[in-house]
């Protein structure tokens, strides 16, 4: 979740909002560059895990510039509500939709927060979210809120950064995230340099507090049965997907 400073936001959220402000113009390209081209592949896996029908209504939270929202429409022909707390990022998503006639009428873009979704219970056939949980104060409560708007039997899927499990690869990952990412960011702008400095420690801190076992429990506690977990690119990208239990939202 990225964007502008919000009045009354927590220190964690204010920092994230300030850190990512001014990035939409290069956001898609830099995501691919900084992940050695893996970010698009991770997003494709996220979209594939949703298995939506053409008449499905999907909520894409932390939609950013609309990459996942567009991919959902193109793969399934469904309708998508893309939600983000950043007006700047949503402006980038609106440009994406306007430049692609095939998306007209299929994607609705709204400003809002994952912690307080402006929708009734069971409003969506599927919910997706990308790189979200490191930027919220209470991931458990946020997952419950995301599950709240999911219909019984609906799919929920997420993409987040991870850390390789192999000790040797962990050393390489740490070196790249601590030195390589800031160096790449510095070549582009001051803002991307700050993002590069932030990402490694942020990913490591989240992995320490919310390892796979904890994330599985959070999904289960929210009424979502985990169907799959894919660690991609040696564990640098993690896609989870599950289904809302029939009793949830009934």
C-alpha atoms as a PDB file:
ATOM      1  CA  UNK A   1       0.000   0.000   0.000  1.00  0.00           C
ATOM      2  CA  UNK A   2       1.547   3.204  -1.109  1.00  0.00           C
ATOM      3  CA  UNK A   3       0.801   6.862  -1.381  1.00  0.00           C
ATOM      4  CA  UNK A   4       0.403  10.218   0.244  1.00  0.00           C
ATOM      5  CA  UNK A   5       0.569  11.194   3.881  1.00  0.00           C
ATOM      6  CA  UNK A   6      -2.725  10.535   5.675  1.00  0.00           C
ATOM      7  CA  UNK A   7      -3.889  12.620   8.616  1.00  0.00           C
ATOM      8  CA  UNK A   8      -4.073  10.536  11.765  1.00  0.00           C
ATOM      9  CA  UNK A   9      -2.188   7.582  10.303  1.00  0.00           C
ATOM     10  CA  UNK A  10       0.054   5.499  12.551  1.00  0.00           C
ATOM     11  CA  UNK A  11       3.845   6.033  12.371  1.00  0.00           C
ATOM     12  CA  UNK A  12       4.224   2.787  10.398  1.00  0.00           C
ATOM     13  CA  UNK A  13       1.650   3.837   7.840  1.00  0.00           C
ATOM     14  CA  UNK A  14       2.906   7.426   7.621  1.00  0.00           C
ATOM     15  CA  UNK A  15       6.406   6.155   6.929  1.00  0.00           C
ATOM     16  CA  UNK A  16       5.170   3.829   4.185  1.00  0.00           C
ATOM     17  CA  UNK A  17       3.028   6.551   2.637  1.00  0.00           C
ATOM     18  CA  UNK A  18       5.891   9.031   2.598  1.00  0.00           C
ATOM     19  CA  UNK A  19       8.403   6.454   1.383  1.00  0.00           C
ATOM     20  CA  UNK A  20       6.373   5.462  -1.659  1.00  0.00           C
ATOM     21  CA  UNK A  21       5.007   8.856  -2.629  1.00  0.00           C
ATOM     22  CA  UNK A  22       6.022  10.006  -6.093  1.00  0.00           C
ATOM     23  CA  UNK A  23       6.768   6.513  -7.481  1.00  0.00           C
ATOM     24  CA  UNK A  24       3.854   5.662  -9.820  1.00  0.00           C
ATOM     25  CA  UNK A  25       5.549   6.745 -13.062  1.00  0.00           C
ATOM     26  CA  UNK A  26       8.275   4.086 -12.732  1.00  0.00           C
ATOM     27  CA  UNK A  27       6.595   1.686 -10.342  1.00  0.00           C
ATOM     28  CA  UNK A  28       5.877  -1.170 -12.758  1.00  0.00           C
ATOM     29  CA  UNK A  29       9.248  -1.032 -14.489  1.00  0.00           C
ATOM     30  CA  UNK A  30      11.261  -0.737 -11.299  1.00  0.00           C
ATOM     31  CA  UNK A  31       9.423  -3.647  -9.708  1.00  0.00           C
ATOM     32  CA  UNK A  32      10.548  -5.833 -12.575  1.00  0.00           C
ATOM     33  CA  UNK A  33      14.117  -4.475 -12.594  1.00  0.00           C
ATOM     34  CA  UNK A  34      14.699  -4.788  -8.850  1.00  0.00           C
ATOM     35  CA  UNK A  35      13.407  -8.371  -8.825  1.00  0.00           C
ATOM     36  CA  UNK A  36      15.456  -9.415 -11.887  1.00  0.00           C
ATOM     37  CA  UNK A  37      12.251  -9.771 -13.863  1.00  0.00           C
ATOM     38  CA  UNK A  38      10.606 -12.069 -11.304  1.00  0.00           C
ATOM     39  CA  UNK A  39       7.871  -9.734 -10.011  1.00  0.00           C
ATOM     40  CA  UNK A  40       5.724 -10.134 -13.179  1.00  0.00           C
ATOM     41  CA  UNK A  41       6.017 -13.928 -12.881  1.00  0.00           C
ATOM     42  CA  UNK A  42       4.961 -13.821  -9.233  1.00  0.00           C
ATOM     43  CA  UNK A  43       1.941 -11.706 -10.129  1.00  0.00           C
ATOM     44  CA  UNK A  44       0.938 -14.156 -12.862  1.00  0.00           C
ATOM     45  CA  UNK A  45       1.000 -16.972 -10.301  1.00  0.00           C
ATOM     46  CA  UNK A  46      -1.146 -14.882  -7.951  1.00  0.00           C
ATOM     47  CA  UNK A  47      -3.709 -14.275 -10.695  1.00  0.00           C
ATOM     48  CA  UNK A  48      -3.718 -17.933 -11.764  1.00  0.00           C
ATOM     49  CA  UNK A  49      -4.479 -19.042  -8.188  1.00  0.00           C
ATOM     50  CA  UNK A  50      -7.757 -17.087  -8.143  1.00  0.00           C
ATOM     51  CA  UNK A  51      -9.466 -19.268 -10.782  1.00  0.00           C
ATOM     52  CA  UNK A  52     -12.261 -16.722 -11.254  1.00  0.00           C
ATOM     53  CA  UNK A  53     -15.247 -17.112 -13.556  1.00  0.00           C
ATOM     54  CA  UNK A  54     -16.201 -14.487 -16.164  1.00  0.00           C
ATOM     55  CA  UNK A  55     -19.125 -13.299 -14.026  1.00  0.00           C
ATOM     56  CA  UNK A  56     -17.014 -13.021 -10.856  1.00  0.00           C
ATOM     57  CA  UNK A  57     -16.525  -9.777  -8.943  1.00  0.00           C
ATOM     58  CA  UNK A  58     -12.973  -9.535  -7.586  1.00  0.00           C
ATOM     59  CA  UNK A  59     -11.521  -7.096  -5.071  1.00  0.00           C
ATOM     60  CA  UNK A  60      -7.843  -6.237  -5.631  1.00  0.00           C
ATOM     61  CA  UNK A  61      -6.471  -4.529  -2.517  1.00  0.00           C
ATOM     62  CA  UNK A  62      -3.290  -2.428  -2.654  1.00  0.00           C
ATOM     63  CA  UNK A  63      -3.921  -2.347  -6.378  1.00  0.00           C
ATOM     64  CA  UNK A  64      -1.206   0.278  -6.976  1.00  0.00           C
ATOM     65  CA  UNK A  65      -1.026   1.046 -10.673  1.00  0.00           C
ATOM     66  CA  UNK A  66      -3.485  -1.723 -11.493  1.00  0.00           C
ATOM     67  CA  UNK A  67      -1.158  -4.470 -12.685  1.00  0.00           C
ATOM     68  CA  UNK A  68      -3.041  -7.313 -10.995  1.00  0.00           C
ATOM     69  CA  UNK A  69      -6.442  -5.776 -11.742  1.00  0.00           C
ATOM     70  CA  UNK A  70      -5.628  -5.688 -15.445  1.00  0.00           C
ATOM     71  CA  UNK A  71      -4.259  -9.238 -15.406  1.00  0.00           C
ATOM     72  CA  UNK A  72      -7.419 -10.531 -13.716  1.00  0.00           C
ATOM     73  CA  UNK A  73      -9.646  -8.962 -16.359  1.00  0.00           C
ATOM     74  CA  UNK A  74      -7.519 -10.220 -19.234  1.00  0.00           C
ATOM     75  CA  UNK A  75      -7.301 -13.777 -17.906  1.00  0.00           C
ATOM     76  CA  UNK A  76     -10.895 -14.265 -16.722  1.00  0.00           C
ATOM     77  CA  UNK A  77     -13.052 -11.512 -18.229  1.00  0.00           C
ATOM     78  CA  UNK A  78     -14.297 -10.754 -14.704  1.00  0.00           C
ATOM     79  CA  UNK A  79     -14.996  -7.371 -13.137  1.00  0.00           C
ATOM     80  CA  UNK A  80     -12.516  -5.937 -10.626  1.00  0.00           C
ATOM     81  CA  UNK A  81     -12.649  -3.303  -7.918  1.00  0.00           C
ATOM     82  CA  UNK A  82      -9.129  -1.984  -7.367  1.00  0.00           C
ATOM     83  CA  UNK A  83      -8.597  -0.319  -3.993  1.00  0.00           C
ATOM     84  CA  UNK A  84      -5.570   1.631  -2.772  1.00  0.00           C
ATOM     85  CA  UNK A  85      -4.997   4.297  -0.145  1.00  0.00           C
ATOM     86  CA  UNK A  86      -2.798   6.355  -2.486  1.00  0.00           C
ATOM     87  CA  UNK A  87      -4.453   8.808  -4.828  1.00  0.00           C
ATOM     88  CA  UNK A  88      -1.170   9.083  -6.749  1.00  0.00           C
ATOM     89  CA  UNK A  89      -1.032   5.340  -7.390  1.00  0.00           C
ATOM     90  CA  UNK A  90      -4.693   5.287  -8.346  1.00  0.00           C
ATOM     91  CA  UNK A  91      -3.988   8.036 -10.872  1.00  0.00           C
ATOM     92  CA  UNK A  92      -1.476   5.678 -12.468  1.00  0.00           C
ATOM     93  CA  UNK A  93      -4.078   2.914 -12.492  1.00  0.00           C
ATOM     94  CA  UNK A  94      -6.610   5.230 -14.125  1.00  0.00           C
ATOM     95  CA  UNK A  95      -4.094   6.014 -16.857  1.00  0.00           C
ATOM     96  CA  UNK A  96      -3.619   2.282 -17.402  1.00  0.00           C
ATOM     97  CA  UNK A  97      -7.359   1.685 -17.745  1.00  0.00           C
ATOM     98  CA  UNK A  98      -7.864   4.704 -20.012  1.00  0.00           C
ATOM     99  CA  UNK A  99      -5.061   3.576 -22.344  1.00  0.00           C
ATOM    100  CA  UNK A 100      -6.496   0.062 -22.762  1.00  0.00           C
ATOM    101  CA  UNK A 101     -10.000  -0.003 -24.275  1.00  0.00           C
ATOM    102  CA  UNK A 102     -10.465  -3.644 -23.323  1.00  0.00           C
ATOM    103  CA  UNK A 103     -10.515  -2.688 -19.646  1.00  0.00           C
ATOM    104  CA  UNK A 104     -13.293  -0.101 -19.957  1.00  0.00           C
ATOM    105  CA  UNK A 105     -16.223  -0.952 -17.713  1.00  0.00           C
ATOM    106  CA  UNK A 106     -14.378  -3.883 -16.158  1.00  0.00           C
ATOM    107  CA  UNK A 107     -12.254  -2.099 -13.544  1.00  0.00           C
ATOM    108  CA  UNK A 108     -13.531   0.294 -10.867  1.00  0.00           C
ATOM    109  CA  UNK A 109     -10.885   2.158  -8.869  1.00  0.00           C
ATOM    110  CA  UNK A 110     -11.504   3.382  -5.328  1.00  0.00           C
ATOM    111  CA  UNK A 111      -9.454   5.035  -2.615  1.00  0.00           C
ATOM    112  CA  UNK A 112      -9.619   3.186   0.687  1.00  0.00           C
ATOM    113  CA  UNK A 113      -7.761   1.196   3.330  1.00  0.00           C
ATOM    114  CA  UNK A 114      -7.473  -2.541   3.724  1.00  0.00           C
ATOM    115  CA  UNK A 115      -8.119  -2.230   7.450  1.00  0.00           C
ATOM    116  CA  UNK A 116     -11.528  -0.603   6.864  1.00  0.00           C
ATOM    117  CA  UNK A 117     -13.036  -1.827   3.626  1.00  0.00           C
ATOM    118  CA  UNK A 118     -16.100   0.129   2.452  1.00  0.00           C
ATOM    119  CA  UNK A 119     -18.047  -2.988   1.452  1.00  0.00           C
ATOM    120  CA  UNK A 120     -20.730  -5.232   2.913  1.00  0.00           C
ATOM    121  CA  UNK A 121     -19.964  -8.746   4.117  1.00  0.00           C
ATOM    122  CA  UNK A 122     -19.648 -11.291   1.317  1.00  0.00           C
ATOM    123  CA  UNK A 123     -19.481  -8.706  -1.474  1.00  0.00           C
ATOM    124  CA  UNK A 124     -16.835 -10.436  -3.618  1.00  0.00           C
ATOM    125  CA  UNK A 125     -16.202 -13.779  -5.263  1.00  0.00           C
ATOM    126  CA  UNK A 126     -12.438 -13.370  -4.791  1.00  0.00           C
ATOM    127  CA  UNK A 127      -9.978 -11.064  -3.021  1.00  0.00           C
ATOM    128  CA  UNK A 128      -6.351 -10.471  -3.980  1.00  0.00           C
ATOM    129  CA  UNK A 129      -3.682  -8.380  -2.289  1.00  0.00           C
ATOM    130  CA  UNK A 130      -0.060  -7.678  -3.150  1.00  0.00           C
ATOM    131  CA  UNK A 131       2.797  -6.515  -0.888  1.00  0.00           C
ATOM    132  CA  UNK A 132       0.280  -5.322   1.694  1.00  0.00           C
ATOM    133  CA  UNK A 133       0.829  -6.823   5.122  1.00  0.00           C
ATOM    134  CA  UNK A 134       4.223  -5.238   5.832  1.00  0.00           C
ATOM    135  CA  UNK A 135       2.523  -1.837   5.736  1.00  0.00           C
ATOM    136  CA  UNK A 136      -0.365  -2.405   8.140  1.00  0.00           C
ATOM    137  CA  UNK A 137      -0.217  -2.239  11.928  1.00  0.00           C
ATOM    138  CA  UNK A 138      -2.229  -5.408  12.551  1.00  0.00           C
ATOM    139  CA  UNK A 139      -1.887  -8.066   9.821  1.00  0.00           C
ATOM    140  CA  UNK A 140      -4.219 -10.471  11.643  1.00  0.00           C
ATOM    141  CA  UNK A 141      -7.046  -7.938  11.817  1.00  0.00           C
ATOM    142  CA  UNK A 142      -6.405  -6.914   8.211  1.00  0.00           C
ATOM    143  CA  UNK A 143      -6.704 -10.509   6.975  1.00  0.00           C
ATOM    144  CA  UNK A 144      -9.959 -10.878   8.908  1.00  0.00           C
ATOM    145  CA  UNK A 145     -11.270  -7.720   7.254  1.00  0.00           C
ATOM    146  CA  UNK A 146     -10.283  -8.985   3.810  1.00  0.00           C
ATOM    147  CA  UNK A 147     -11.976 -12.319   4.513  1.00  0.00           C
ATOM    148  CA  UNK A 148     -15.109 -10.527   5.741  1.00  0.00           C
ATOM    149  CA  UNK A 149     -15.970  -9.229   2.274  1.00  0.00           C
ATOM    150  CA  UNK A 150     -15.378 -12.621   0.644  1.00  0.00           C
ATOM    151  CA  UNK A 151     -18.348 -14.823  -0.225  1.00  0.00           C
ATOM    152  CA  UNK A 152     -18.445 -18.322   1.295  1.00  0.00           C
ATOM    153  CA  UNK A 153     -16.425 -20.556  -0.993  1.00  0.00           C
ATOM    154  CA  UNK A 154     -14.642 -17.571  -2.543  1.00  0.00           C
ATOM    155  CA  UNK A 155     -10.903 -17.463  -3.189  1.00  0.00           C
ATOM    156  CA  UNK A 156      -8.371 -15.235  -1.430  1.00  0.00           C
ATOM    157  CA  UNK A 157      -4.810 -14.905  -2.742  1.00  0.00           C
ATOM    158  CA  UNK A 158      -1.771 -12.858  -1.777  1.00  0.00           C
ATOM    159  CA  UNK A 159       1.736 -12.068  -2.977  1.00  0.00           C
ATOM    160  CA  UNK A 160       4.502 -11.036  -0.609  1.00  0.00           C
ATOM    161  CA  UNK A 161       8.283 -10.954  -0.628  1.00  0.00           C
ATOM    162  CA  UNK A 162      10.081 -13.766   1.138  1.00  0.00           C
ATOM    163  CA  UNK A 163      13.580 -14.908   2.079  1.00  0.00           C
ATOM    164  CA  UNK A 164      15.367 -17.973   0.650  1.00  0.00           C
ATOM    165  CA  UNK A 165      15.604 -20.880   3.084  1.00  0.00           C
ATOM    166  CA  UNK A 166      19.029 -22.059   1.942  1.00  0.00           C
ATOM    167  CA  UNK A 167      21.739 -20.509   4.179  1.00  0.00           C
ATOM    168  CA  UNK A 168      23.953 -19.779   1.167  1.00  0.00           C
ATOM    169  CA  UNK A 169      21.135 -18.111  -0.742  1.00  0.00           C
ATOM    170  CA  UNK A 170      20.162 -16.160   2.355  1.00  0.00           C
ATOM    171  CA  UNK A 171      23.634 -14.617   2.388  1.00  0.00           C
ATOM    172  CA  UNK A 172      23.304 -13.652  -1.276  1.00  0.00           C
ATOM    173  CA  UNK A 173      19.781 -12.318  -0.693  1.00  0.00           C
ATOM    174  CA  UNK A 174      20.915 -10.221   2.238  1.00  0.00           C
ATOM    175  CA  UNK A 175      23.817  -8.786   0.253  1.00  0.00           C
ATOM    176  CA  UNK A 176      21.586  -7.907  -2.665  1.00  0.00           C
ATOM    177  CA  UNK A 177      18.811  -6.348  -0.585  1.00  0.00           C
ATOM    178  CA  UNK A 178      21.224  -4.378   1.615  1.00  0.00           C
ATOM    179  CA  UNK A 179      23.618  -3.216  -1.122  1.00  0.00           C
ATOM    180  CA  UNK A 180      22.189  -3.978  -4.550  1.00  0.00           C
ATOM    181  CA  UNK A 181      18.695  -2.550  -4.121  1.00  0.00           C
ATOM    182  CA  UNK A 182      19.885   0.828  -2.784  1.00  0.00           C
ATOM    183  CA  UNK A 183      22.489   1.010  -5.557  1.00  0.00           C
ATOM    184  CA  UNK A 184      19.889   0.376  -8.255  1.00  0.00           C
ATOM    185  CA  UNK A 185      17.509   2.850  -6.669  1.00  0.00           C
ATOM    186  CA  UNK A 186      20.209   5.524  -6.488  1.00  0.00           C
ATOM    187  CA  UNK A 187      20.621   5.334 -10.276  1.00  0.00           C
ATOM    188  CA  UNK A 188      16.970   6.297 -10.717  1.00  0.00           C
ATOM    189  CA  UNK A 189      16.056   8.833  -8.042  1.00  0.00           C
ATOM    190  CA  UNK A 190      16.368   9.741  -4.380  1.00  0.00           C
ATOM    191  CA  UNK A 191      12.921   8.234  -3.779  1.00  0.00           C
ATOM    192  CA  UNK A 192      13.907   4.880  -5.239  1.00  0.00           C
ATOM    193  CA  UNK A 193      17.163   4.917  -3.262  1.00  0.00           C
ATOM    194  CA  UNK A 194      15.111   5.230  -0.071  1.00  0.00           C
ATOM    195  CA  UNK A 195      12.844   2.388  -1.204  1.00  0.00           C
ATOM    196  CA  UNK A 196      15.914   0.251  -1.900  1.00  0.00           C
ATOM    197  CA  UNK A 197      17.268   0.921   1.598  1.00  0.00           C
ATOM    198  CA  UNK A 198      13.916   0.110   3.186  1.00  0.00           C
ATOM    199  CA  UNK A 199      12.935  -3.123   1.469  1.00  0.00           C
ATOM    200  CA  UNK A 200      15.533  -5.579   2.807  1.00  0.00           C
ATOM    201  CA  UNK A 201      15.113  -4.795   6.517  1.00  0.00           C
ATOM    202  CA  UNK A 202      11.327  -4.560   6.079  1.00  0.00           C
ATOM    203  CA  UNK A 203      11.090  -7.984   4.435  1.00  0.00           C
ATOM    204  CA  UNK A 204      13.366  -9.565   7.053  1.00  0.00           C
ATOM    205  CA  UNK A 205      11.410  -8.072   9.944  1.00  0.00           C
ATOM    206  CA  UNK A 206       8.099  -9.299   8.548  1.00  0.00           C
ATOM    207  CA  UNK A 207       9.476 -12.799   7.927  1.00  0.00           C
ATOM    208  CA  UNK A 208      10.717 -12.950  11.511  1.00  0.00           C
ATOM    209  CA  UNK A 209       7.374 -11.900  13.010  1.00  0.00           C
ATOM    210  CA  UNK A 210       5.136 -13.721  10.534  1.00  0.00           C
ATOM    211  CA  UNK A 211       6.816 -16.913   9.296  1.00  0.00           C
ATOM    212  CA  UNK A 212       4.847 -19.382   7.213  1.00  0.00           C
ATOM    213  CA  UNK A 213       3.409 -21.161  10.261  1.00  0.00           C
ATOM    214  CA  UNK A 214       2.029 -17.911  11.671  1.00  0.00           C
ATOM    215  CA  UNK A 215       0.597 -16.805   8.340  1.00  0.00           C
ATOM    216  CA  UNK A 216      -1.174 -20.135   7.975  1.00  0.00           C
ATOM    217  CA  UNK A 217      -2.741 -19.621  11.384  1.00  0.00           C
ATOM    218  CA  UNK A 218      -3.839 -16.061  10.568  1.00  0.00           C
ATOM    219  CA  UNK A 219      -5.619 -17.246   7.434  1.00  0.00           C
ATOM    220  CA  UNK A 220      -7.291 -20.098   9.338  1.00  0.00           C
ATOM    221  CA  UNK A 221      -8.369 -17.757  12.141  1.00  0.00           C
ATOM    222  CA  UNK A 222      -9.968 -15.504   9.507  1.00  0.00           C
ATOM    223  CA  UNK A 223     -12.025 -18.430   8.178  1.00  0.00           C
ATOM    224  CA  UNK A 224      -9.909 -19.048   5.079  1.00  0.00           C
ATOM    225  CA  UNK A 225      -8.630 -22.557   4.447  1.00  0.00           C
ATOM    226  CA  UNK A 226      -5.223 -22.426   2.799  1.00  0.00           C
ATOM    227  CA  UNK A 227      -5.132 -24.351  -0.468  1.00  0.00           C
ATOM    228  CA  UNK A 228      -1.580 -23.637  -1.552  1.00  0.00           C
ATOM    229  CA  UNK A 229       1.652 -21.804  -0.859  1.00  0.00           C
ATOM    230  CA  UNK A 230       4.234 -21.300  -3.585  1.00  0.00           C
ATOM    231  CA  UNK A 231       7.743 -20.102  -2.770  1.00  0.00           C
ATOM    232  CA  UNK A 232       9.093 -18.785  -6.060  1.00  0.00           C
ATOM    233  CA  UNK A 233      12.544 -17.651  -7.191  1.00  0.00           C
ATOM    234  CA  UNK A 234      14.247 -19.602  -4.377  1.00  0.00           C
ATOM    235  CA  UNK A 235      11.758 -18.157  -1.893  1.00  0.00           C
ATOM    236  CA  UNK A 236      12.080 -14.458  -2.771  1.00  0.00           C
ATOM    237  CA  UNK A 237       8.419 -14.302  -3.789  1.00  0.00           C
ATOM    238  CA  UNK A 238       5.631 -16.067  -1.878  1.00  0.00           C
ATOM    239  CA  UNK A 239       2.109 -16.616  -3.182  1.00  0.00           C
ATOM    240  CA  UNK A 240      -0.603 -17.940  -0.850  1.00  0.00           C
ATOM    241  CA  UNK A 241      -4.145 -18.823  -1.809  1.00  0.00           C
ATOM    242  CA  UNK A 242      -7.119 -20.273  -0.030  1.00  0.00           C
ATOM    243  CA  UNK A 243     -10.897 -20.568   0.085  1.00  0.00           C
ATOM    244  CA  UNK A 244     -13.393 -19.039   2.472  1.00  0.00           C
ATOM    245  CA  UNK A 245     -14.984 -21.796   4.515  1.00  0.00           C
ATOM    246  CA  UNK A 246     -18.699 -22.271   3.751  1.00  0.00           C
ATOM    247  CA  UNK A 247     -19.734 -21.101   7.212  1.00  0.00           C
ATOM    248  CA  UNK A 248     -17.819 -17.796   6.867  1.00  0.00           C
ATOM    249  CA  UNK A 249     -20.025 -14.831   6.151  1.00  0.00           C
ATOM    250  CA  UNK A 250     -23.207 -16.955   6.321  1.00  0.00           C
END
